[in-house]
Amino acid sequence: MKKYFWTDLTTFEDPDNFATPLTDHKKNFNFYNSSPAISPNGDKMAYIADKDGVFRVFIRSIENKEKVEELVSSFRHQDFEQLNLLTPGISWNPKGTELAISAKAGGEDAIFLVNVKSGDYEKVKFGFKSISSVAWSPDGTSLRSLLQKWKKQILRLRFKNKAIERFN
């Protein structure tokens, strides 16, 4: 084992030597910090973390590590029943004012368009059992996502007329 893997230790550098961690699971007493999404201007990060046994979406300042805001939480909330932790879907709109978040809602997945400042949201359901990898278009008029009803497909969701178009 040492013969094959120990030599790799000299190849890689410890991240503490060149990077600053943005989260601290020991200080926050949590186990998960996942699905990071950096805002378009690079000053904030949205991510999923657990707090008191409940998964939540937080927004954190990249420069000021103490500035952390909870945006939404799952489990006890009627709409955000379960955040998609293993197949995450968090994406900032091009202006940095909204997040698109995929989550379980009423037995199926939905996309939630959440206002970053107020926490108000719009739930968009299309009858898909799985939604993951949500991404805003550069012009902010549509989302692209990996959706599954019977088979997985990449689809474009247009906001203007709530149309779904096959992308692949």
N, C-alpha and C. Protein backbone atom coordinates (compact mmCIF):
# COMPACT_ATOMS: atom_id res chain seq x y z
N MET A 1 0.83 -1.18 0.00
CA MET A 1 0.00 0.00 0.00
C MET A 1 0.89 1.26 0.00
N LYS A 2 1.87 1.30 0.87
CA LYS A 2 2.76 2.46 0.95
C LYS A 2 3.49 2.67 -0.38
N LYS A 3 3.86 1.55 -1.00
CA LYS A 3 4.61 1.61 -2.24
C LYS A 3 3.82 2.36 -3.33
N TYR A 4 2.51 2.17 -3.37
CA TYR A 4 1.70 2.78 -4.42
C TYR A 4 1.19 4.17 -4.07
N PHE A 5 0.87 4.41 -2.82
CA PHE A 5 0.18 5.65 -2.48
C PHE A 5 1.03 6.66 -1.71
N TRP A 6 2.02 6.22 -0.99
CA TRP A 6 2.80 7.13 -0.17
C TRP A 6 3.56 8.15 -1.03
N THR A 7 3.97 7.75 -2.21
CA THR A 7 4.68 8.68 -3.08
C THR A 7 3.79 9.86 -3.51
N ASP A 8 2.48 9.66 -3.52
CA ASP A 8 1.56 10.75 -3.85
C ASP A 8 1.59 11.86 -2.81
N LEU A 9 1.93 11.54 -1.58
CA LEU A 9 1.96 12.55 -0.53
C LEU A 9 2.98 13.65 -0.83
N THR A 10 4.05 13.31 -1.49
CA THR A 10 5.04 14.33 -1.84
C THR A 10 4.61 15.17 -3.04
N THR A 11 3.68 14.66 -3.83
CA THR A 11 3.20 15.36 -5.02
C THR A 11 2.22 16.47 -4.68
N PHE A 12 1.37 16.24 -3.67
CA PHE A 12 0.31 17.18 -3.34
C PHE A 12 0.69 18.06 -2.16
N GLU A 13 0.21 19.29 -2.20
CA GLU A 13 0.47 20.24 -1.13
C GLU A 13 -0.76 20.33 -0.22
N ASP A 14 -0.54 20.52 1.06
CA ASP A 14 -1.62 20.66 2.01
C ASP A 14 -2.39 21.94 1.70
N PRO A 15 -3.73 21.88 1.56
CA PRO A 15 -4.52 23.09 1.25
C PRO A 15 -4.32 24.22 2.26
N ASP A 16 -4.00 23.91 3.50
CA ASP A 16 -3.77 24.96 4.50
C ASP A 16 -2.59 25.85 4.11
N ASN A 17 -1.71 25.37 3.26
CA ASN A 17 -0.54 26.15 2.84
C ASN A 17 -0.87 27.22 1.79
N PHE A 18 -2.00 27.07 1.08
CA PHE A 18 -2.29 28.02 0.01
C PHE A 18 -3.75 28.48 -0.03
N ALA A 19 -4.59 27.99 0.86
CA ALA A 19 -6.01 28.35 0.81
C ALA A 19 -6.54 28.66 2.21
N THR A 20 -7.63 29.41 2.25
CA THR A 20 -8.30 29.73 3.51
C THR A 20 -9.67 29.08 3.50
N PRO A 21 -9.98 28.24 4.48
CA PRO A 21 -11.30 27.61 4.50
C PRO A 21 -12.40 28.64 4.75
N LEU A 22 -13.53 28.48 4.06
CA LEU A 22 -14.65 29.39 4.24
C LEU A 22 -15.64 28.90 5.29
N THR A 23 -15.63 27.60 5.56
CA THR A 23 -16.50 27.03 6.59
C THR A 23 -15.65 26.27 7.60
N ASP A 24 -16.20 26.07 8.78
CA ASP A 24 -15.49 25.33 9.83
C ASP A 24 -16.50 24.44 10.55
N HIS A 25 -16.52 23.16 10.18
CA HIS A 25 -17.50 22.24 10.75
C HIS A 25 -17.30 22.00 12.24
N LYS A 26 -16.10 22.16 12.72
CA LYS A 26 -15.86 22.00 14.16
C LYS A 26 -16.43 23.17 14.95
N LYS A 27 -16.20 24.37 14.45
CA LYS A 27 -16.72 25.57 15.11
C LYS A 27 -18.25 25.63 15.03
N ASN A 28 -18.81 25.22 13.89
CA ASN A 28 -20.26 25.29 13.69
C ASN A 28 -21.01 24.05 14.16
N PHE A 29 -20.28 23.04 14.63
CA PHE A 29 -20.88 21.79 15.12
C PHE A 29 -21.79 21.15 14.07
N ASN A 30 -21.29 21.04 12.83
CA ASN A 30 -22.08 20.40 11.80
C ASN A 30 -21.24 19.36 11.05
N PHE A 31 -21.91 18.59 10.21
CA PHE A 31 -21.24 17.53 9.48
C PHE A 31 -21.13 17.83 7.99
N TYR A 32 -22.09 18.58 7.44
CA TYR A 32 -22.14 18.83 6.00
C TYR A 32 -21.93 20.30 5.68
N ASN A 33 -21.12 20.55 4.69
CA ASN A 33 -20.97 21.83 4.02
C ASN A 33 -20.80 21.47 2.56
N SER A 34 -21.87 21.56 1.77
CA SER A 34 -21.78 21.06 0.40
C SER A 34 -22.47 21.99 -0.59
N SER A 35 -22.31 21.68 -1.84
CA SER A 35 -22.98 22.35 -2.96
C SER A 35 -22.69 23.84 -3.04
N PRO A 36 -21.44 24.26 -2.94
CA PRO A 36 -21.17 25.70 -2.98
C PRO A 36 -21.47 26.30 -4.36
N ALA A 37 -22.00 27.51 -4.33
CA ALA A 37 -22.25 28.27 -5.56
C ALA A 37 -21.79 29.70 -5.30
N ILE A 38 -20.83 30.16 -6.06
CA ILE A 38 -20.27 31.50 -5.90
C ILE A 38 -21.13 32.49 -6.68
N SER A 39 -21.44 33.64 -6.07
CA SER A 39 -22.25 34.67 -6.74
C SER A 39 -21.51 35.21 -7.96
N PRO A 40 -22.24 35.78 -8.92
CA PRO A 40 -21.61 36.27 -10.15
C PRO A 40 -20.50 37.30 -9.92
N ASN A 41 -20.63 38.16 -8.91
CA ASN A 41 -19.56 39.14 -8.67
C ASN A 41 -18.51 38.62 -7.69
N GLY A 42 -18.67 37.38 -7.20
CA GLY A 42 -17.65 36.72 -6.41
C GLY A 42 -17.56 37.13 -4.95
N ASP A 43 -18.54 37.87 -4.44
CA ASP A 43 -18.44 38.32 -3.05
C ASP A 43 -19.20 37.44 -2.07
N LYS A 44 -20.06 36.52 -2.56
CA LYS A 44 -20.85 35.66 -1.68
C LYS A 44 -20.81 34.22 -2.15
N MET A 45 -21.14 33.33 -1.23
CA MET A 45 -21.23 31.91 -1.54
C MET A 45 -22.50 31.36 -0.92
N ALA A 46 -23.30 30.66 -1.70
CA ALA A 46 -24.46 29.94 -1.19
C ALA A 46 -24.05 28.48 -1.06
N TYR A 47 -24.52 27.81 0.00
CA TYR A 47 -24.17 26.41 0.18
C TYR A 47 -25.19 25.74 1.10
N ILE A 48 -25.21 24.42 1.09
CA ILE A 48 -26.08 23.63 1.97
C ILE A 48 -25.24 23.15 3.14
N ALA A 49 -25.77 23.33 4.34
CA ALA A 49 -25.11 22.83 5.56
C ALA A 49 -26.18 22.36 6.52
N ASP A 50 -25.78 21.52 7.46
CA ASP A 50 -26.72 21.09 8.49
C ASP A 50 -26.51 21.93 9.75
N LYS A 51 -27.61 22.21 10.42
CA LYS A 51 -27.58 22.94 11.68
C LYS A 51 -28.68 22.35 12.55
N ASP A 52 -28.30 21.84 13.70
CA ASP A 52 -29.26 21.22 14.61
C ASP A 52 -30.03 20.07 13.95
N GLY A 53 -29.35 19.34 13.06
CA GLY A 53 -29.96 18.18 12.41
C GLY A 53 -30.86 18.50 11.23
N VAL A 54 -30.92 19.76 10.81
CA VAL A 54 -31.76 20.17 9.70
C VAL A 54 -30.88 20.79 8.62
N PHE A 55 -31.12 20.40 7.36
CA PHE A 55 -30.35 20.98 6.26
C PHE A 55 -30.91 22.35 5.90
N ARG A 56 -30.01 23.29 5.65
CA ARG A 56 -30.39 24.67 5.36
C ARG A 56 -29.49 25.21 4.26
N VAL A 57 -29.98 26.23 3.58
CA VAL A 57 -29.16 26.95 2.60
C VAL A 57 -28.70 28.23 3.27
N PHE A 58 -27.40 28.43 3.27
CA PHE A 58 -26.79 29.62 3.86
C PHE A 58 -26.15 30.46 2.77
N ILE A 59 -26.07 31.75 3.03
CA ILE A 59 -25.31 32.66 2.17
C ILE A 59 -24.25 33.29 3.05
N ARG A 60 -23.03 33.19 2.60
CA ARG A 60 -21.88 33.66 3.39
C ARG A 60 -21.06 34.62 2.56
N SER A 61 -20.58 35.65 3.22
CA SER A 61 -19.66 36.58 2.58
C SER A 61 -18.31 35.88 2.42
N ILE A 62 -17.67 36.06 1.28
CA ILE A 62 -16.37 35.43 1.07
C ILE A 62 -15.29 36.18 1.84
N GLU A 63 -15.40 37.49 1.91
CA GLU A 63 -14.39 38.31 2.60
C GLU A 63 -14.56 38.28 4.11
N ASN A 64 -15.78 38.39 4.60
CA ASN A 64 -16.06 38.44 6.03
C ASN A 64 -16.67 37.10 6.46
N LYS A 65 -15.86 36.21 7.01
CA LYS A 65 -16.32 34.87 7.35
C LYS A 65 -17.38 34.86 8.44
N GLU A 66 -17.51 35.93 9.19
CA GLU A 66 -18.51 35.99 10.26
C GLU A 66 -19.90 36.34 9.73
N LYS A 67 -19.99 36.87 8.52
CA LYS A 67 -21.26 37.30 7.95
C LYS A 67 -21.92 36.12 7.23
N VAL A 68 -22.80 35.41 7.96
CA VAL A 68 -23.49 34.24 7.44
C VAL A 68 -25.00 34.44 7.67
N GLU A 69 -25.79 34.21 6.62
CA GLU A 69 -27.24 34.35 6.73
C GLU A 69 -27.90 33.05 6.30
N GLU A 70 -28.91 32.62 7.05
CA GLU A 70 -29.69 31.46 6.66
C GLU A 70 -30.77 31.92 5.69
N LEU A 71 -30.85 31.27 4.54
CA LEU A 71 -31.84 31.66 3.54
C LEU A 71 -33.10 30.81 3.65
N VAL A 72 -32.97 29.49 3.59
CA VAL A 72 -34.11 28.58 3.73
C VAL A 72 -33.67 27.34 4.49
N SER A 73 -34.65 26.61 5.03
CA SER A 73 -34.33 25.36 5.70
C SER A 73 -35.30 24.27 5.24
N SER A 74 -34.88 23.04 5.39
CA SER A 74 -35.70 21.90 4.98
C SER A 74 -36.32 21.24 6.21
N PHE A 75 -36.95 20.13 6.01
CA PHE A 75 -37.48 19.25 7.02
C PHE A 75 -38.75 19.79 7.67
N ARG A 76 -38.65 20.86 8.38
CA ARG A 76 -39.82 21.37 9.09
C ARG A 76 -40.58 22.41 8.29
N HIS A 77 -40.10 22.74 7.13
CA HIS A 77 -40.74 23.73 6.29
C HIS A 77 -41.64 23.02 5.28
N GLN A 78 -42.82 23.53 5.07
CA GLN A 78 -43.80 22.89 4.21
C GLN A 78 -43.30 22.69 2.78
N ASP A 79 -42.66 23.69 2.20
CA ASP A 79 -42.24 23.58 0.81
C ASP A 79 -40.88 22.90 0.64
N PHE A 80 -39.91 23.27 1.44
CA PHE A 80 -38.57 22.70 1.32
C PHE A 80 -38.49 21.44 2.17
N GLU A 81 -39.18 20.37 1.73
CA GLU A 81 -39.21 19.14 2.51
C GLU A 81 -37.83 18.53 2.64
N GLN A 82 -37.10 18.53 1.53
CA GLN A 82 -35.77 17.93 1.53
C GLN A 82 -34.92 18.62 0.49
N LEU A 83 -33.81 19.19 0.92
CA LEU A 83 -32.87 19.77 -0.04
C LEU A 83 -32.11 18.63 -0.71
N ASN A 84 -31.87 18.75 -2.00
CA ASN A 84 -31.19 17.69 -2.74
C ASN A 84 -29.70 17.73 -2.43
N LEU A 85 -29.32 17.02 -1.41
CA LEU A 85 -27.94 17.04 -0.95
C LEU A 85 -27.01 16.24 -1.85
N LEU A 86 -27.45 15.07 -2.30
CA LEU A 86 -26.59 14.21 -3.11
C LEU A 86 -26.59 14.62 -4.58
N THR A 87 -27.66 15.23 -5.04
CA THR A 87 -27.71 15.76 -6.41
C THR A 87 -28.08 17.24 -6.32
N PRO A 88 -27.15 18.04 -5.87
CA PRO A 88 -27.48 19.43 -5.54
C PRO A 88 -27.84 20.27 -6.76
N GLY A 89 -28.62 21.26 -6.49
CA GLY A 89 -28.97 22.22 -7.51
C GLY A 89 -29.10 23.60 -6.90
N ILE A 90 -28.02 24.36 -6.89
CA ILE A 90 -28.05 25.74 -6.42
C ILE A 90 -27.34 26.57 -7.49
N SER A 91 -28.00 27.64 -7.93
CA SER A 91 -27.40 28.49 -8.96
C SER A 91 -27.86 29.92 -8.77
N TRP A 92 -26.93 30.86 -8.92
CA TRP A 92 -27.23 32.29 -8.84
C TRP A 92 -27.71 32.78 -10.19
N ASN A 93 -28.67 33.72 -10.18
CA ASN A 93 -29.03 34.36 -11.45
C ASN A 93 -27.90 35.33 -11.82
N PRO A 94 -27.83 35.77 -13.07
CA PRO A 94 -26.70 36.61 -13.50
C PRO A 94 -26.56 37.93 -12.73
N LYS A 95 -27.64 38.45 -12.18
CA LYS A 95 -27.57 39.69 -11.41
C LYS A 95 -27.15 39.47 -9.96
N GLY A 96 -27.19 38.22 -9.50
CA GLY A 96 -26.84 37.90 -8.11
C GLY A 96 -27.93 38.23 -7.12
N THR A 97 -29.17 38.33 -7.59
CA THR A 97 -30.29 38.69 -6.71
C THR A 97 -31.18 37.51 -6.35
N GLU A 98 -31.09 36.42 -7.11
CA GLU A 98 -31.92 35.24 -6.86
C GLU A 98 -31.09 33.97 -6.93
N LEU A 99 -31.56 32.98 -6.19
CA LEU A 99 -30.99 31.64 -6.28
C LEU A 99 -32.05 30.70 -6.82
N ALA A 100 -31.65 29.79 -7.68
CA ALA A 100 -32.51 28.68 -8.09
C ALA A 100 -32.04 27.48 -7.28
N ILE A 101 -32.96 26.87 -6.55
CA ILE A 101 -32.64 25.74 -5.67
C ILE A 101 -33.58 24.59 -5.99
N SER A 102 -33.04 23.41 -6.22
CA SER A 102 -33.90 22.24 -6.40
C SER A 102 -34.09 21.58 -5.04
N ALA A 103 -35.35 21.19 -4.77
CA ALA A 103 -35.68 20.56 -3.49
C ALA A 103 -36.94 19.72 -3.65
N LYS A 104 -37.15 18.80 -2.74
CA LYS A 104 -38.35 17.97 -2.73
C LYS A 104 -39.50 18.79 -2.18
N ALA A 105 -40.66 18.72 -2.85
CA ALA A 105 -41.85 19.44 -2.41
C ALA A 105 -43.09 18.65 -2.80
N GLY A 106 -43.75 18.08 -1.82
CA GLY A 106 -44.99 17.35 -2.08
C GLY A 106 -44.82 16.11 -2.91
N GLY A 107 -43.80 15.34 -2.65
CA GLY A 107 -43.60 14.07 -3.34
C GLY A 107 -42.89 14.16 -4.67
N GLU A 108 -42.56 15.34 -5.11
CA GLU A 108 -41.80 15.50 -6.35
C GLU A 108 -40.81 16.64 -6.16
N ASP A 109 -39.85 16.72 -7.07
CA ASP A 109 -38.89 17.81 -6.98
C ASP A 109 -39.47 19.08 -7.60
N ALA A 110 -39.02 20.21 -7.10
CA ALA A 110 -39.43 21.51 -7.62
C ALA A 110 -38.20 22.40 -7.67
N ILE A 111 -38.31 23.47 -8.42
CA ILE A 111 -37.27 24.49 -8.43
C ILE A 111 -37.84 25.71 -7.71
N PHE A 112 -37.09 26.19 -6.74
CA PHE A 112 -37.49 27.36 -5.98
C PHE A 112 -36.62 28.53 -6.42
N LEU A 113 -37.26 29.61 -6.79
CA LEU A 113 -36.56 30.84 -7.15
C LEU A 113 -36.64 31.74 -5.92
N VAL A 114 -35.51 31.89 -5.23
CA VAL A 114 -35.48 32.54 -3.92
C VAL A 114 -34.80 33.90 -4.04
N ASN A 115 -35.49 34.94 -3.56
CA ASN A 115 -34.91 36.27 -3.49
C ASN A 115 -33.88 36.27 -2.37
N VAL A 116 -32.65 36.62 -2.69
CA VAL A 116 -31.55 36.53 -1.74
C VAL A 116 -31.70 37.52 -0.58
N LYS A 117 -32.25 38.69 -0.83
CA LYS A 117 -32.40 39.71 0.22
C LYS A 117 -33.56 39.41 1.16
N SER A 118 -34.73 39.08 0.61
CA SER A 118 -35.93 38.93 1.44
C SER A 118 -36.21 37.49 1.87
N GLY A 119 -35.72 36.51 1.10
CA GLY A 119 -36.03 35.12 1.38
C GLY A 119 -37.36 34.68 0.77
N ASP A 120 -38.09 35.61 0.13
CA ASP A 120 -39.33 35.24 -0.56
C ASP A 120 -38.99 34.34 -1.74
N TYR A 121 -39.92 33.44 -2.06
CA TYR A 121 -39.63 32.50 -3.14
C TYR A 121 -40.86 32.17 -3.95
N GLU A 122 -40.59 31.68 -5.15
CA GLU A 122 -41.62 31.14 -6.03
C GLU A 122 -41.28 29.68 -6.27
N LYS A 123 -42.28 28.82 -6.10
CA LYS A 123 -42.08 27.39 -6.32
C LYS A 123 -42.57 27.04 -7.73
N VAL A 124 -41.70 26.38 -8.51
CA VAL A 124 -42.05 25.98 -9.87
C VAL A 124 -41.99 24.46 -9.93
N LYS A 125 -43.16 23.83 -10.16
CA LYS A 125 -43.24 22.37 -10.24
C LYS A 125 -43.65 21.97 -11.65
N PHE A 126 -43.02 20.90 -12.12
CA PHE A 126 -43.30 20.41 -13.47
C PHE A 126 -43.68 18.94 -13.49
N GLY A 127 -43.81 18.30 -12.33
CA GLY A 127 -44.17 16.89 -12.28
C GLY A 127 -43.02 15.94 -12.47
N PHE A 128 -41.79 16.39 -12.24
CA PHE A 128 -40.62 15.53 -12.39
C PHE A 128 -40.26 14.90 -11.04
N LYS A 129 -39.83 13.65 -11.08
CA LYS A 129 -39.48 13.01 -9.81
C LYS A 129 -38.08 13.39 -9.36
N SER A 130 -37.23 13.87 -10.27
CA SER A 130 -35.87 14.24 -9.91
C SER A 130 -35.44 15.48 -10.70
N ILE A 131 -34.92 16.47 -9.97
CA ILE A 131 -34.35 17.67 -10.59
C ILE A 131 -32.98 17.89 -9.96
N SER A 132 -31.96 18.05 -10.78
CA SER A 132 -30.62 18.30 -10.24
C SER A 132 -29.84 19.18 -11.21
N SER A 133 -28.73 19.68 -10.74
CA SER A 133 -27.82 20.48 -11.56
C SER A 133 -28.51 21.67 -12.22
N VAL A 134 -29.16 22.48 -11.43
CA VAL A 134 -29.85 23.66 -11.93
C VAL A 134 -28.83 24.73 -12.29
N ALA A 135 -28.98 25.36 -13.46
CA ALA A 135 -28.06 26.41 -13.90
C ALA A 135 -28.82 27.49 -14.66
N TRP A 136 -28.60 28.76 -14.30
CA TRP A 136 -29.22 29.89 -14.99
C TRP A 136 -28.57 30.09 -16.35
N SER A 137 -29.35 30.56 -17.31
CA SER A 137 -28.79 30.97 -18.60
C SER A 137 -28.07 32.30 -18.39
N PRO A 138 -27.11 32.63 -19.23
CA PRO A 138 -26.37 33.89 -19.07
C PRO A 138 -27.25 35.14 -19.12
N ASP A 139 -28.37 35.08 -19.87
CA ASP A 139 -29.24 36.25 -19.94
C ASP A 139 -30.31 36.26 -18.85
N GLY A 140 -30.40 35.20 -18.05
CA GLY A 140 -31.34 35.16 -16.92
C GLY A 140 -32.78 34.87 -17.29
N THR A 141 -33.05 34.46 -18.53
CA THR A 141 -34.43 34.22 -18.95
C THR A 141 -34.86 32.76 -18.83
N SER A 142 -33.91 31.87 -18.57
CA SER A 142 -34.26 30.46 -18.47
C SER A 142 -33.27 29.73 -17.57
N LEU A 143 -33.66 28.52 -17.21
CA LEU A 143 -32.80 27.61 -16.44
C LEU A 143 -32.57 26.37 -17.28
N ARG A 144 -31.42 25.76 -17.08
CA ARG A 144 -31.17 24.44 -17.64
C ARG A 144 -30.96 23.50 -16.47
N SER A 145 -31.51 22.31 -16.60
CA SER A 145 -31.44 21.38 -15.49
C SER A 145 -31.52 19.96 -15.99
N LEU A 146 -30.98 19.04 -15.19
CA LEU A 146 -31.10 17.62 -15.45
C LEU A 146 -32.38 17.15 -14.76
N LEU A 147 -33.37 16.75 -15.55
CA LEU A 147 -34.67 16.37 -15.02
C LEU A 147 -34.97 14.92 -15.36
N GLN A 148 -35.73 14.27 -14.48
CA GLN A 148 -36.08 12.89 -14.74
C GLN A 148 -37.54 12.65 -14.41
N LYS A 149 -38.28 12.20 -15.44
CA LYS A 149 -39.63 11.72 -15.22
C LYS A 149 -39.57 10.20 -15.38
N TRP A 150 -39.19 9.75 -16.58
CA TRP A 150 -38.95 8.33 -16.81
C TRP A 150 -37.48 8.09 -17.12
N LYS A 151 -36.87 9.01 -17.85
CA LYS A 151 -35.44 8.92 -18.12
C LYS A 151 -34.85 10.31 -17.93
N LYS A 152 -33.55 10.39 -17.66
CA LYS A 152 -32.91 11.68 -17.43
C LYS A 152 -32.72 12.43 -18.73
N GLN A 153 -33.05 13.72 -18.69
CA GLN A 153 -32.91 14.58 -19.85
C GLN A 153 -32.45 15.96 -19.39
N ILE A 154 -31.73 16.64 -20.26
CA ILE A 154 -31.39 18.03 -19.98
C ILE A 154 -32.47 18.87 -20.66
N LEU A 155 -33.15 19.69 -19.87
CA LEU A 155 -34.23 20.51 -20.39
C LEU A 155 -34.00 21.98 -20.07
N ARG A 156 -34.55 22.83 -20.91
CA ARG A 156 -34.50 24.27 -20.66
C ARG A 156 -35.89 24.70 -20.19
N LEU A 157 -35.94 25.44 -19.09
CA LEU A 157 -37.19 25.93 -18.53
C LEU A 157 -37.24 27.44 -18.77
N ARG A 158 -38.14 27.88 -19.61
CA ARG A 158 -38.26 29.31 -19.91
C ARG A 158 -39.25 29.94 -18.94
N PHE A 159 -38.89 31.10 -18.37
CA PHE A 159 -39.72 31.76 -17.38
C PHE A 159 -40.90 32.51 -17.98
N LYS A 160 -40.69 33.11 -19.14
CA LYS A 160 -41.71 33.98 -19.73
C LYS A 160 -43.04 33.24 -19.90
N ASN A 161 -42.99 32.05 -20.48
CA ASN A 161 -44.23 31.31 -20.74
C ASN A 161 -44.25 29.96 -20.02
N LYS A 162 -43.35 29.75 -19.07
CA LYS A 162 -43.26 28.49 -18.30
C LYS A 162 -43.14 27.28 -19.22
N ALA A 163 -42.46 27.46 -20.35
CA ALA A 163 -42.30 26.37 -21.32
C ALA A 163 -41.10 25.50 -20.98
N ILE A 164 -41.21 24.22 -21.29
CA ILE A 164 -40.12 23.27 -21.12
C ILE A 164 -39.68 22.84 -22.51
N GLU A 165 -38.39 22.96 -22.79
CA GLU A 165 -37.85 22.56 -24.10
C GLU A 165 -36.76 21.54 -23.88
N ARG A 166 -36.76 20.51 -24.68
CA ARG A 166 -35.72 19.50 -24.61
C ARG A 166 -34.42 20.11 -25.14
N PHE A 167 -33.34 19.91 -24.41
CA PHE A 167 -32.07 20.52 -24.75
C PHE A 167 -31.11 19.52 -25.41
N ASN A 168 -31.27 18.25 -25.10
CA ASN A 168 -30.36 17.25 -25.67
C ASN A 168 -31.09 16.29 -26.59
